[in-house]
Amino acid sequence: MQIENCFVENLFEEIRDGLVILRVCDRVWPGSVDWSKPKLACKNIFDRSHNAQLAEEAMRTMGVKMVGVGAQDITDGHKKNILAMIWQVMRIHYLKIIGSKTDKDLLAWVNSVVNLD
């Protein structure tokens, strides 16, 4: 999945302005970000904090469980908490792809695709 203006080499540094996570959220859940609100050219910590807060709101809109993590973790670059948020966004993305399939449905599909001979 290609996201426009989103090429990341160092996740923990490049996510700190909030824009990367906003782009990902908007791609996974279209409409979760009101693009009139983010500061696209962050000049200071206040702009980064504003974007991180918008990213937190977008993730909550998507249904991401935000227990013990938040916008401050994004701007501070807390690796463990950033990974927790990213994992939740990925989980929501993959649930959208597979739909309301049960474990039994998924196992049946895998067994039909995989040839163990």
PDB file of N, CA and C in Angstrom:
ATOM      1  N   MET A   1       0.851  -1.165   0.000  1.00  0.00           N
ATOM      2  CA  MET A   1       0.000   0.000   0.000  1.00  0.00           C
ATOM      3  C   MET A   1       0.904   1.237   0.000  1.00  0.00           C
ATOM      4  N   GLN A   2       0.888   1.967  -1.069  1.00  0.00           N
ATOM      5  CA  GLN A   2       1.688   3.188  -1.205  1.00  0.00           C
ATOM      6  C   GLN A   2       0.895   4.370  -0.671  1.00  0.00           C
ATOM      7  N   ILE A   3       1.543   5.190   0.147  1.00  0.00           N
ATOM      8  CA  ILE A   3       0.905   6.380   0.688  1.00  0.00           C
ATOM      9  C   ILE A   3       1.692   7.588   0.193  1.00  0.00           C
ATOM     10  N   GLU A   4       0.979   8.520  -0.428  1.00  0.00           N
ATOM     11  CA  GLU A   4       1.615   9.706  -0.996  1.00  0.00           C
ATOM     12  C   GLU A   4       2.337  10.516   0.089  1.00  0.00           C
ATOM     13  N   ASN A   5       3.536  11.002  -0.240  1.00  0.00           N
ATOM     14  CA  ASN A   5       4.363  11.804   0.675  1.00  0.00           C
ATOM     15  C   ASN A   5       4.681  11.094   1.974  1.00  0.00           C
ATOM     16  N   CYS A   6       4.822   9.778   1.912  1.00  0.00           N
ATOM     17  CA  CYS A   6       5.065   9.017   3.134  1.00  0.00           C
ATOM     18  C   CYS A   6       6.106   7.941   2.861  1.00  0.00           C
ATOM     19  N   PHE A   7       7.368   8.309   3.026  1.00  0.00           N
ATOM     20  CA  PHE A   7       8.468   7.363   2.921  1.00  0.00           C
ATOM     21  C   PHE A   7       9.255   7.480   4.214  1.00  0.00           C
ATOM     22  N   VAL A   8       9.341   6.395   4.951  1.00  0.00           N
ATOM     23  CA  VAL A   8       9.920   6.442   6.290  1.00  0.00           C
ATOM     24  C   VAL A   8      11.196   5.619   6.343  1.00  0.00           C
ATOM     25  N   GLU A   9      12.262   6.246   6.793  1.00  0.00           N
ATOM     26  CA  GLU A   9      13.518   5.538   7.018  1.00  0.00           C
ATOM     27  C   GLU A   9      13.737   5.267   8.501  1.00  0.00           C
ATOM     28  N   ASN A  10      13.347   6.217   9.355  1.00  0.00           N
ATOM     29  CA  ASN A  10      13.494   6.069  10.798  1.00  0.00           C
ATOM     30  C   ASN A  10      12.151   6.409  11.443  1.00  0.00           C
ATOM     31  N   LEU A  11      11.362   5.378  11.713  1.00  0.00           N
ATOM     32  CA  LEU A  11      10.002   5.565  12.212  1.00  0.00           C
ATOM     33  C   LEU A  11       9.947   6.446  13.450  1.00  0.00           C
ATOM     34  N   PHE A  12      10.807   6.185  14.412  1.00  0.00           N
ATOM     35  CA  PHE A  12      10.714   6.866  15.698  1.00  0.00           C
ATOM     36  C   PHE A  12      11.075   8.343  15.626  1.00  0.00           C
ATOM     37  N   GLU A  13      11.868   8.730  14.659  1.00  0.00           N
ATOM     38  CA  GLU A  13      12.185  10.149  14.478  1.00  0.00           C
ATOM     39  C   GLU A  13      11.177  10.836  13.558  1.00  0.00           C
ATOM     40  N   GLU A  14      10.819  10.168  12.482  1.00  0.00           N
ATOM     41  CA  GLU A  14       9.973  10.791  11.468  1.00  0.00           C
ATOM     42  C   GLU A  14       8.494  10.848  11.860  1.00  0.00           C
ATOM     43  N   ILE A  15       8.122  10.084  12.861  1.00  0.00           N
ATOM     44  CA  ILE A  15       6.722  10.094  13.302  1.00  0.00           C
ATOM     45  C   ILE A  15       6.465  11.222  14.296  1.00  0.00           C
ATOM     46  N   ARG A  16       7.510  11.836  14.825  1.00  0.00           N
ATOM     47  CA  ARG A  16       7.375  12.800  15.921  1.00  0.00           C
ATOM     48  C   ARG A  16       6.597  14.065  15.567  1.00  0.00           C
ATOM     49  N   ASP A  17       6.504  14.399  14.281  1.00  0.00           N
ATOM     50  CA  ASP A  17       5.701  15.581  13.918  1.00  0.00           C
ATOM     51  C   ASP A  17       4.231  15.229  13.681  1.00  0.00           C
ATOM     52  N   GLY A  18       3.889  13.945  13.775  1.00  0.00           N
ATOM     53  CA  GLY A  18       2.502  13.511  13.655  1.00  0.00           C
ATOM     54  C   GLY A  18       1.999  13.306  12.244  1.00  0.00           C
ATOM     55  N   LEU A  19       2.720  13.822  11.251  1.00  0.00           N
ATOM     56  CA  LEU A  19       2.215  13.769   9.876  1.00  0.00           C
ATOM     57  C   LEU A  19       2.198  12.359   9.297  1.00  0.00           C
ATOM     58  N   VAL A  20       3.198  11.556   9.607  1.00  0.00           N
ATOM     59  CA  VAL A  20       3.240  10.195   9.068  1.00  0.00           C
ATOM     60  C   VAL A  20       2.046   9.400   9.570  1.00  0.00           C
ATOM     61  N   ILE A  21       1.811   9.472  10.866  1.00  0.00           N
ATOM     62  CA  ILE A  21       0.694   8.701  11.425  1.00  0.00           C
ATOM     63  C   ILE A  21      -0.642   9.242  10.925  1.00  0.00           C
ATOM     64  N   LEU A  22      -0.734  10.547  10.698  1.00  0.00           N
ATOM     65  CA  LEU A  22      -1.961  11.107  10.124  1.00  0.00           C
ATOM     66  C   LEU A  22      -2.196  10.562   8.724  1.00  0.00           C
ATOM     67  N   ARG A  23      -1.140  10.488   7.912  1.00  0.00           N
ATOM     68  CA  ARG A  23      -1.283   9.963   6.548  1.00  0.00           C
ATOM     69  C   ARG A  23      -1.702   8.492   6.567  1.00  0.00           C
ATOM     70  N   VAL A  24      -1.089   7.728   7.479  1.00  0.00           N
ATOM     71  CA  VAL A  24      -1.428   6.309   7.574  1.00  0.00           C
ATOM     72  C   VAL A  24      -2.875   6.136   8.031  1.00  0.00           C
ATOM     73  N   CYS A  25      -3.274   6.884   9.044  1.00  0.00           N
ATOM     74  CA  CYS A  25      -4.655   6.795   9.534  1.00  0.00           C
ATOM     75  C   CYS A  25      -5.649   7.135   8.432  1.00  0.00           C
ATOM     76  N   ASP A  26      -5.356   8.189   7.679  1.00  0.00           N
ATOM     77  CA  ASP A  26      -6.273   8.597   6.619  1.00  0.00           C
ATOM     78  C   ASP A  26      -6.338   7.550   5.512  1.00  0.00           C
ATOM     79  N   ARG A  27      -5.245   6.863   5.268  1.00  0.00           N
ATOM     80  CA  ARG A  27      -5.240   5.814   4.236  1.00  0.00           C
ATOM     81  C   ARG A  27      -6.015   4.580   4.702  1.00  0.00           C
ATOM     82  N   VAL A  28      -5.806   4.203   5.962  1.00  0.00           N
ATOM     83  CA  VAL A  28      -6.477   3.024   6.509  1.00  0.00           C
ATOM     84  C   VAL A  28      -7.962   3.297   6.736  1.00  0.00           C
ATOM     85  N   TRP A  29      -8.277   4.500   7.212  1.00  0.00           N
ATOM     86  CA  TRP A  29      -9.658   4.870   7.532  1.00  0.00           C
ATOM     87  C   TRP A  29      -9.945   6.211   6.871  1.00  0.00           C
ATOM     88  N   PRO A  30     -10.274   6.228   5.592  1.00  0.00           N
ATOM     89  CA  PRO A  30     -10.499   7.486   4.875  1.00  0.00           C
ATOM     90  C   PRO A  30     -11.506   8.384   5.599  1.00  0.00           C
ATOM     91  N   GLY A  31     -11.137   9.651   5.716  1.00  0.00           N
ATOM     92  CA  GLY A  31     -11.991  10.611   6.389  1.00  0.00           C
ATOM     93  C   GLY A  31     -11.701  10.769   7.869  1.00  0.00           C
ATOM     94  N   SER A  32     -10.766   9.978   8.401  1.00  0.00           N
ATOM     95  CA  SER A  32     -10.446  10.077   9.831  1.00  0.00           C
ATOM     96  C   SER A  32      -9.637  11.328  10.148  1.00  0.00           C
ATOM     97  N   VAL A  33      -9.089  11.976   9.110  1.00  0.00           N
ATOM     98  CA  VAL A  33      -8.280  13.178   9.301  1.00  0.00           C
ATOM     99  C   VAL A  33      -8.908  14.335   8.530  1.00  0.00           C
ATOM    100  N   ASP A  34      -9.126  15.427   9.217  1.00  0.00           N
ATOM    101  CA  ASP A  34      -9.575  16.665   8.577  1.00  0.00           C
ATOM    102  C   ASP A  34      -8.308  17.428   8.196  1.00  0.00           C
ATOM    103  N   TRP A  35      -7.938  17.386   6.916  1.00  0.00           N
ATOM    104  CA  TRP A  35      -6.646  17.923   6.470  1.00  0.00           C
ATOM    105  C   TRP A  35      -6.562  19.441   6.518  1.00  0.00           C
ATOM    106  N   SER A  36      -7.617  20.111   6.939  1.00  0.00           N
ATOM    107  CA  SER A  36      -7.525  21.559   7.119  1.00  0.00           C
ATOM    108  C   SER A  36      -6.903  21.906   8.473  1.00  0.00           C
ATOM    109  N   LYS A  37      -6.795  20.918   9.367  1.00  0.00           N
ATOM    110  CA  LYS A  37      -6.308  21.176  10.723  1.00  0.00           C
ATOM    111  C   LYS A  37      -4.809  20.960  10.941  1.00  0.00           C
ATOM    112  N   PRO A  38      -4.182  19.933  10.359  1.00  0.00           N
ATOM    113  CA  PRO A  38      -2.759  19.716  10.665  1.00  0.00           C
ATOM    114  C   PRO A  38      -1.853  20.828  10.143  1.00  0.00           C
ATOM    115  N   LYS A  39      -0.745  21.009  10.832  1.00  0.00           N
ATOM    116  CA  LYS A  39       0.315  21.932  10.395  1.00  0.00           C
ATOM    117  C   LYS A  39       1.258  21.121   9.518  1.00  0.00           C
ATOM    118  N   LEU A  40       1.228  21.361   8.210  1.00  0.00           N
ATOM    119  CA  LEU A  40       2.014  20.559   7.276  1.00  0.00           C
ATOM    120  C   LEU A  40       3.491  20.923   7.293  1.00  0.00           C
ATOM    121  N   ALA A  41       3.811  22.128   7.714  1.00  0.00           N
ATOM    122  CA  ALA A  41       5.209  22.553   7.855  1.00  0.00           C
ATOM    123  C   ALA A  41       5.435  22.910   9.324  1.00  0.00           C
ATOM    124  N   CYS A  42       5.786  21.902  10.096  1.00  0.00           N
ATOM    125  CA  CYS A  42       5.972  22.119  11.535  1.00  0.00           C
ATOM    126  C   CYS A  42       7.194  22.993  11.784  1.00  0.00           C
ATOM    127  N   LYS A  43       6.984  24.063  12.525  1.00  0.00           N
ATOM    128  CA  LYS A  43       8.058  25.004  12.820  1.00  0.00           C
ATOM    129  C   LYS A  43       8.573  24.865  14.241  1.00  0.00           C
ATOM    130  N   ASN A  44       7.766  24.264  15.114  1.00  0.00           N
ATOM    131  CA  ASN A  44       8.177  24.181  16.514  1.00  0.00           C
ATOM    132  C   ASN A  44       7.446  23.033  17.210  1.00  0.00           C
ATOM    133  N   ILE A  45       7.731  22.882  18.492  1.00  0.00           N
ATOM    134  CA  ILE A  45       7.141  21.797  19.277  1.00  0.00           C
ATOM    135  C   ILE A  45       5.624  21.928  19.379  1.00  0.00           C
ATOM    136  N   PHE A  46       5.125  23.147  19.344  1.00  0.00           N
ATOM    137  CA  PHE A  46       3.682  23.354  19.438  1.00  0.00           C
ATOM    138  C   PHE A  46       2.964  22.802  18.208  1.00  0.00           C
ATOM    139  N   ASP A  47       3.551  23.006  17.031  1.00  0.00           N
ATOM    140  CA  ASP A  47       2.981  22.449  15.807  1.00  0.00           C
ATOM    141  C   ASP A  47       3.012  20.921  15.831  1.00  0.00           C
ATOM    142  N   ARG A  48       4.144  20.362  16.282  1.00  0.00           N
ATOM    143  CA  ARG A  48       4.265  18.909  16.367  1.00  0.00           C
ATOM    144  C   ARG A  48       3.257  18.335  17.367  1.00  0.00           C
ATOM    145  N   SER A  49       3.102  18.999  18.497  1.00  0.00           N
ATOM    146  CA  SER A  49       2.145  18.540  19.512  1.00  0.00           C
ATOM    147  C   SER A  49       0.711  18.609  18.988  1.00  0.00           C
ATOM    148  N   HIS A  50       0.418  19.671  18.250  1.00  0.00           N
ATOM    149  CA  HIS A  50      -0.913  19.823  17.645  1.00  0.00           C
ATOM    150  C   HIS A  50      -1.192  18.659  16.694  1.00  0.00           C
ATOM    151  N   ASN A  51      -0.237  18.347  15.829  1.00  0.00           N
ATOM    152  CA  ASN A  51      -0.405  17.241  14.879  1.00  0.00           C
ATOM    153  C   ASN A  51      -0.522  15.905  15.601  1.00  0.00           C
ATOM    154  N   ALA A  52       0.269  15.713  16.653  1.00  0.00           N
ATOM    155  CA  ALA A  52       0.215  14.462  17.406  1.00  0.00           C
ATOM    156  C   ALA A  52      -1.149  14.304  18.069  1.00  0.00           C
ATOM    157  N   GLN A  53      -1.703  15.409  18.560  1.00  0.00           N
ATOM    158  CA  GLN A  53      -3.033  15.363  19.158  1.00  0.00           C
ATOM    159  C   GLN A  53      -4.073  14.992  18.100  1.00  0.00           C
ATOM    160  N   LEU A  54      -3.940  15.541  16.904  1.00  0.00           N
ATOM    161  CA  LEU A  54      -4.852  15.183  15.811  1.00  0.00           C
ATOM    162  C   LEU A  54      -4.702  13.712  15.439  1.00  0.00           C
ATOM    163  N   ALA A  55      -3.467  13.204  15.483  1.00  0.00           N
ATOM    164  CA  ALA A  55      -3.228  11.791  15.190  1.00  0.00           C
ATOM    165  C   ALA A  55      -3.897  10.911  16.240  1.00  0.00           C
ATOM    166  N   GLU A  56      -3.793  11.310  17.489  1.00  0.00           N
ATOM    167  CA  GLU A  56      -4.460  10.548  18.552  1.00  0.00           C
ATOM    168  C   GLU A  56      -5.970  10.538  18.326  1.00  0.00           C
ATOM    169  N   GLU A  57      -6.535  11.675  17.979  1.00  0.00           N
ATOM    170  CA  GLU A  57      -7.980  11.758  17.711  1.00  0.00           C
ATOM    171  C   GLU A  57      -8.370  10.875  16.528  1.00  0.00           C
ATOM    172  N   ALA A  58      -7.542  10.880  15.479  1.00  0.00           N
ATOM    173  CA  ALA A  58      -7.823  10.052  14.302  1.00  0.00           C
ATOM    174  C   ALA A  58      -7.793   8.570  14.666  1.00  0.00           C
ATOM    175  N   MET A  59      -6.811   8.182  15.474  1.00  0.00           N
ATOM    176  CA  MET A  59      -6.733   6.774  15.881  1.00  0.00           C
ATOM    177  C   MET A  59      -7.928   6.383  16.734  1.00  0.00           C
ATOM    178  N   ARG A  60      -8.358   7.261  17.615  1.00  0.00           N
ATOM    179  CA  ARG A  60      -9.547   6.975  18.429  1.00  0.00           C
ATOM    180  C   ARG A  60     -10.789   6.850  17.539  1.00  0.00           C
ATOM    181  N   THR A  61     -10.884   7.688  16.509  1.00  0.00           N
ATOM    182  CA  THR A  61     -11.995   7.606  15.561  1.00  0.00           C
ATOM    183  C   THR A  61     -12.022   6.241  14.877  1.00  0.00           C
ATOM    184  N   MET A  62     -10.837   5.714  14.598  1.00  0.00           N
ATOM    185  CA  MET A  62     -10.724   4.415  13.940  1.00  0.00           C
ATOM    186  C   MET A  62     -11.061   3.263  14.874  1.00  0.00           C
ATOM    187  N   GLY A  63     -11.017   3.519  16.172  1.00  0.00           N
ATOM    188  CA  GLY A  63     -11.279   2.459  17.141  1.00  0.00           C
ATOM    189  C   GLY A  63     -10.034   1.895  17.772  1.00  0.00           C
ATOM    190  N   VAL A  64      -8.908   2.593  17.631  1.00  0.00           N
ATOM    191  CA  VAL A  64      -7.662   2.147  18.251  1.00  0.00           C
ATOM    192  C   VAL A  64      -7.790   2.269  19.760  1.00  0.00           C
ATOM    193  N   LYS A  65      -7.403   1.223  20.458  1.00  0.00           N
ATOM    194  CA  LYS A  65      -7.416   1.243  21.918  1.00  0.00           C
ATOM    195  C   LYS A  65      -6.196   2.012  22.404  1.00  0.00           C
ATOM    196  N   MET A  66      -6.444   3.139  23.051  1.00  0.00           N
ATOM    197  CA  MET A  66      -5.368   4.034  23.497  1.00  0.00           C
ATOM    198  C   MET A  66      -5.286   4.021  25.017  1.00  0.00           C
ATOM    199  N   VAL A  67      -4.859   2.915  25.582  1.00  0.00           N
ATOM    200  CA  VAL A  67      -4.756   2.789  27.035  1.00  0.00           C
ATOM    201  C   VAL A  67      -3.305   3.021  27.430  1.00  0.00           C
ATOM    202  N   GLY A  68      -3.069   4.100  28.140  1.00  0.00           N
ATOM    203  CA  GLY A  68      -1.722   4.395  28.615  1.00  0.00           C
ATOM    204  C   GLY A  68      -0.794   4.965  27.564  1.00  0.00           C
ATOM    205  N   VAL A  69      -1.316   5.284  26.395  1.00  0.00           N
ATOM    206  CA  VAL A  69      -0.510   5.902  25.342  1.00  0.00           C
ATOM    207  C   VAL A  69      -1.268   7.094  24.789  1.00  0.00           C
ATOM    208  N   GLY A  70      -0.528   8.028  24.182  1.00  0.00           N
ATOM    209  CA  GLY A  70      -1.201   9.190  23.640  1.00  0.00           C
ATOM    210  C   GLY A  70      -0.296  10.062  22.806  1.00  0.00           C
ATOM    211  N   ALA A  71      -0.766  11.260  22.544  1.00  0.00           N
ATOM    212  CA  ALA A  71      -0.071  12.198  21.661  1.00  0.00           C
ATOM    213  C   ALA A  71       1.332  12.531  22.161  1.00  0.00           C
ATOM    214  N   GLN A  72       1.500  12.659  23.459  1.00  0.00           N
ATOM    215  CA  GLN A  72       2.811  13.007  24.016  1.00  0.00           C
ATOM    216  C   GLN A  72       3.853  11.942  23.685  1.00  0.00           C
ATOM    217  N   ASP A  73       3.427  10.684  23.631  1.00  0.00           N
ATOM    218  CA  ASP A  73       4.350   9.604  23.279  1.00  0.00           C
ATOM    219  C   ASP A  73       4.854   9.753  21.854  1.00  0.00           C
ATOM    220  N   ILE A  74       3.998  10.262  20.976  1.00  0.00           N
ATOM    221  CA  ILE A  74       4.405  10.468  19.582  1.00  0.00           C
ATOM    222  C   ILE A  74       5.476  11.554  19.512  1.00  0.00           C
ATOM    223  N   THR A  75       5.212  12.693  20.129  1.00  0.00           N
ATOM    224  CA  THR A  75       6.178  13.803  20.049  1.00  0.00           C
ATOM    225  C   THR A  75       7.458  13.500  20.803  1.00  0.00           C
ATOM    226  N   ASP A  76       7.364  12.719  21.877  1.00  0.00           N
ATOM    227  CA  ASP A  76       8.565  12.374  22.649  1.00  0.00           C
ATOM    228  C   ASP A  76       9.342  11.220  22.029  1.00  0.00           C
ATOM    229  N   GLY A  77       8.730  10.495  21.108  1.00  0.00           N
ATOM    230  CA  GLY A  77       9.407   9.384  20.438  1.00  0.00           C
ATOM    231  C   GLY A  77       9.549   8.144  21.301  1.00  0.00           C
ATOM    232  N   HIS A  78       8.578   7.873  22.187  1.00  0.00           N
ATOM    233  CA  HIS A  78       8.622   6.677  23.034  1.00  0.00           C
ATOM    234  C   HIS A  78       8.373   5.442  22.178  1.00  0.00           C
ATOM    235  N   LYS A  79       9.441   4.689  21.955  1.00  0.00           N
ATOM    236  CA  LYS A  79       9.397   3.583  20.999  1.00  0.00           C
ATOM    237  C   LYS A  79       8.318   2.553  21.307  1.00  0.00           C
ATOM    238  N   LYS A  80       8.272   2.090  22.527  1.00  0.00           N
ATOM    239  CA  LYS A  80       7.314   1.035  22.888  1.00  0.00           C
ATOM    240  C   LYS A  80       5.875   1.498  22.670  1.00  0.00           C
ATOM    241  N   ASN A  81       5.570   2.717  23.059  1.00  0.00           N
ATOM    242  CA  ASN A  81       4.210   3.223  22.917  1.00  0.00           C
ATOM    243  C   ASN A  81       3.862   3.523  21.457  1.00  0.00           C
ATOM    244  N   ILE A  82       4.851   3.993  20.692  1.00  0.00           N
ATOM    245  CA  ILE A  82       4.624   4.214  19.259  1.00  0.00           C
ATOM    246  C   ILE A  82       4.319   2.888  18.572  1.00  0.00           C
ATOM    247  N   LEU A  83       5.095   1.862  18.902  1.00  0.00           N
ATOM    248  CA  LEU A  83       4.855   0.546  18.310  1.00  0.00           C
ATOM    249  C   LEU A  83       3.480   0.004  18.696  1.00  0.00           C
ATOM    250  N   ALA A  84       3.051   0.266  19.925  1.00  0.00           N
ATOM    251  CA  ALA A  84       1.721  -0.178  20.356  1.00  0.00           C
ATOM    252  C   ALA A  84       0.642   0.490  19.513  1.00  0.00           C
ATOM    253  N   MET A  85       0.791   1.791  19.262  1.00  0.00           N
ATOM    254  CA  MET A  85      -0.195   2.504  18.453  1.00  0.00           C
ATOM    255  C   MET A  85      -0.192   2.009  17.017  1.00  0.00           C
ATOM    256  N   ILE A  86       0.999   1.846  16.445  1.00  0.00           N
ATOM    257  CA  ILE A  86       1.123   1.372  15.061  1.00  0.00           C
ATOM    258  C   ILE A  86       0.535  -0.026  14.926  1.00  0.00           C
ATOM    259  N   TRP A  87       0.785  -0.875  15.904  1.00  0.00           N
ATOM    260  CA  TRP A  87       0.242  -2.227  15.870  1.00  0.00           C
ATOM    261  C   TRP A  87      -1.283  -2.186  15.842  1.00  0.00           C
ATOM    262  N   GLN A  88      -1.892  -1.320  16.642  1.00  0.00           N
ATOM    263  CA  GLN A  88      -3.343  -1.215  16.671  1.00  0.00           C
ATOM    264  C   GLN A  88      -3.894  -0.724  15.325  1.00  0.00           C
ATOM    265  N   VAL A  89      -3.205   0.231  14.706  1.00  0.00           N
ATOM    266  CA  VAL A  89      -3.641   0.720  13.393  1.00  0.00           C
ATOM    267  C   VAL A  89      -3.534  -0.409  12.367  1.00  0.00           C
ATOM    268  N   MET A  90      -2.434  -1.177  12.426  1.00  0.00           N
ATOM    269  CA  MET A  90      -2.273  -2.312  11.508  1.00  0.00           C
ATOM    270  C   MET A  90      -3.365  -3.347  11.742  1.00  0.00           C
ATOM    271  N   ARG A  91      -3.694  -3.610  12.990  1.00  0.00           N
ATOM    272  CA  ARG A  91      -4.730  -4.586  13.325  1.00  0.00           C
ATOM    273  C   ARG A  91      -6.060  -4.169  12.699  1.00  0.00           C
ATOM    274  N   ILE A  92      -6.394  -2.894  12.830  1.00  0.00           N
ATOM    275  CA  ILE A  92      -7.645  -2.395  12.253  1.00  0.00           C
ATOM    276  C   ILE A  92      -7.622  -2.513  10.729  1.00  0.00           C
ATOM    277  N   HIS A  93      -6.468  -2.204  10.129  1.00  0.00           N
ATOM    278  CA  HIS A  93      -6.334  -2.313   8.680  1.00  0.00           C
ATOM    279  C   HIS A  93      -6.580  -3.753   8.224  1.00  0.00           C
ATOM    280  N   TYR A  94      -5.952  -4.705   8.878  1.00  0.00           N
ATOM    281  CA  TYR A  94      -6.107  -6.093   8.465  1.00  0.00           C
ATOM    282  C   TYR A  94      -7.497  -6.631   8.764  1.00  0.00           C
ATOM    283  N   LEU A  95      -8.134  -6.158   9.831  1.00  0.00           N
ATOM    284  CA  LEU A  95      -9.512  -6.569  10.093  1.00  0.00           C
ATOM    285  C   LEU A  95     -10.448  -6.057   9.003  1.00  0.00           C
ATOM    286  N   LYS A  96     -10.161  -4.864   8.477  1.00  0.00           N
ATOM    287  CA  LYS A  96     -10.960  -4.355   7.365  1.00  0.00           C
ATOM    288  C   LYS A  96     -10.774  -5.215   6.123  1.00  0.00           C
ATOM    289  N   ILE A  97      -9.563  -5.701   5.914  1.00  0.00           N
ATOM    290  CA  ILE A  97      -9.274  -6.516   4.733  1.00  0.00           C
ATOM    291  C   ILE A  97      -9.967  -7.872   4.827  1.00  0.00           C
ATOM    292  N   ILE A  98      -9.849  -8.535   5.975  1.00  0.00           N
ATOM    293  CA  ILE A  98     -10.405  -9.888   6.086  1.00  0.00           C
ATOM    294  C   ILE A  98     -11.872  -9.898   6.468  1.00  0.00           C
ATOM    295  N   GLY A  99     -12.390  -8.761   6.893  1.00  0.00           N
ATOM    296  CA  GLY A  99     -13.807  -8.682   7.242  1.00  0.00           C
ATOM    297  C   GLY A  99     -14.114  -9.382   8.545  1.00  0.00           C
ATOM    298  N   SER A 100     -15.292  -9.949   8.624  1.00  0.00           N
ATOM    299  CA  SER A 100     -15.738 -10.570   9.870  1.00  0.00           C
ATOM    300  C   SER A 100     -15.499 -12.077   9.852  1.00  0.00           C
ATOM    301  N   LYS A 101     -14.369 -12.472   9.358  1.00  0.00           N
ATOM    302  CA  LYS A 101     -14.038 -13.892   9.293  1.00  0.00           C
ATOM    303  C   LYS A 101     -13.670 -14.421  10.673  1.00  0.00           C
ATOM    304  N   THR A 102     -14.048 -15.661  10.935  1.00  0.00           N
ATOM    305  CA  THR A 102     -13.682 -16.316  12.192  1.00  0.00           C
ATOM    306  C   THR A 102     -12.347 -17.021  12.014  1.00  0.00           C
ATOM    307  N   ASP A 103     -11.793 -17.493  13.108  1.00  0.00           N
ATOM    308  CA  ASP A 103     -10.551 -18.270  13.027  1.00  0.00           C
ATOM    309  C   ASP A 103     -10.745 -19.505  12.161  1.00  0.00           C
ATOM    310  N   LYS A 104     -11.911 -20.123  12.272  1.00  0.00           N
ATOM    311  CA  LYS A 104     -12.205 -21.317  11.465  1.00  0.00           C
ATOM    312  C   LYS A 104     -12.210 -20.968   9.975  1.00  0.00           C
ATOM    313  N   ASP A 105     -12.816 -19.825   9.622  1.00  0.00           N
ATOM    314  CA  ASP A 105     -12.842 -19.372   8.227  1.00  0.00           C
ATOM    315  C   ASP A 105     -11.433 -19.123   7.704  1.00  0.00           C
ATOM    316  N   LEU A 106     -10.613 -18.469   8.524  1.00  0.00           N
ATOM    317  CA  LEU A 106      -9.242 -18.163   8.106  1.00  0.00           C
ATOM    318  C   LEU A 106      -8.421 -19.430   7.927  1.00  0.00           C
ATOM    319  N   LEU A 107      -8.555 -20.386   8.838  1.00  0.00           N
ATOM    320  CA  LEU A 107      -7.830 -21.658   8.707  1.00  0.00           C
ATOM    321  C   LEU A 107      -8.265 -22.417   7.471  1.00  0.00           C
ATOM    322  N   ALA A 108      -9.553 -22.421   7.181  1.00  0.00           N
ATOM    323  CA  ALA A 108     -10.050 -23.087   5.980  1.00  0.00           C
ATOM    324  C   ALA A 108      -9.463 -22.436   4.731  1.00  0.00           C
ATOM    325  N   TRP A 109      -9.398 -21.093   4.722  1.00  0.00           N
ATOM    326  CA  TRP A 109      -8.825 -20.397   3.568  1.00  0.00           C
ATOM    327  C   TRP A 109      -7.339 -20.725   3.409  1.00  0.00           C
ATOM    328  N   VAL A 110      -6.582 -20.674   4.511  1.00  0.00           N
ATOM    329  CA  VAL A 110      -5.142 -20.969   4.453  1.00  0.00           C
ATOM    330  C   VAL A 110      -4.936 -22.385   3.943  1.00  0.00           C
ATOM    331  N   ASN A 111      -5.694 -23.334   4.465  1.00  0.00           N
ATOM    332  CA  ASN A 111      -5.546 -24.720   4.023  1.00  0.00           C
ATOM    333  C   ASN A 111      -5.897 -24.910   2.553  1.00  0.00           C
ATOM    334  N   SER A 112      -6.810 -24.085   2.036  1.00  0.00           N
ATOM    335  CA  SER A 112      -7.155 -24.193   0.627  1.00  0.00           C
ATOM    336  C   SER A 112      -6.093 -23.579  -0.285  1.00  0.00           C
ATOM    337  N   VAL A 113      -5.319 -22.629   0.236  1.00  0.00           N
ATOM    338  CA  VAL A 113      -4.313 -21.933  -0.560  1.00  0.00           C
ATOM    339  C   VAL A 113      -2.959 -22.613  -0.486  1.00  0.00           C
ATOM    340  N   VAL A 114      -2.618 -23.119   0.698  1.00  0.00           N
ATOM    341  CA  VAL A 114      -1.294 -23.699   0.916  1.00  0.00           C
ATOM    342  C   VAL A 114      -1.296 -25.148   0.446  1.00  0.00           C
ATOM    343  N   ASN A 115      -0.285 -25.470  -0.351  1.00  0.00           N
ATOM    344  CA  ASN A 115      -0.113 -26.838  -0.826  1.00  0.00           C
ATOM    345  C   ASN A 115       1.057 -27.438  -0.075  1.00  0.00           C
ATOM    346  N   LEU A 116       0.797 -28.377   0.809  1.00  0.00           N
ATOM    347  CA  LEU A 116       1.855 -28.958   1.647  1.00  0.00           C
ATOM    348  C   LEU A 116       2.491 -30.191   1.014  1.00  0.00           C
ATOM    349  N   ASP A 117       2.167 -30.493  -0.226  1.00  0.00           N
ATOM    350  CA  ASP A 117       2.740 -31.671  -0.883  1.00  0.00           C
ATOM    351  C   ASP A 117       4.136 -31.434  -1.321  1.00  0.00           C
TER     352      ASP A 117
END
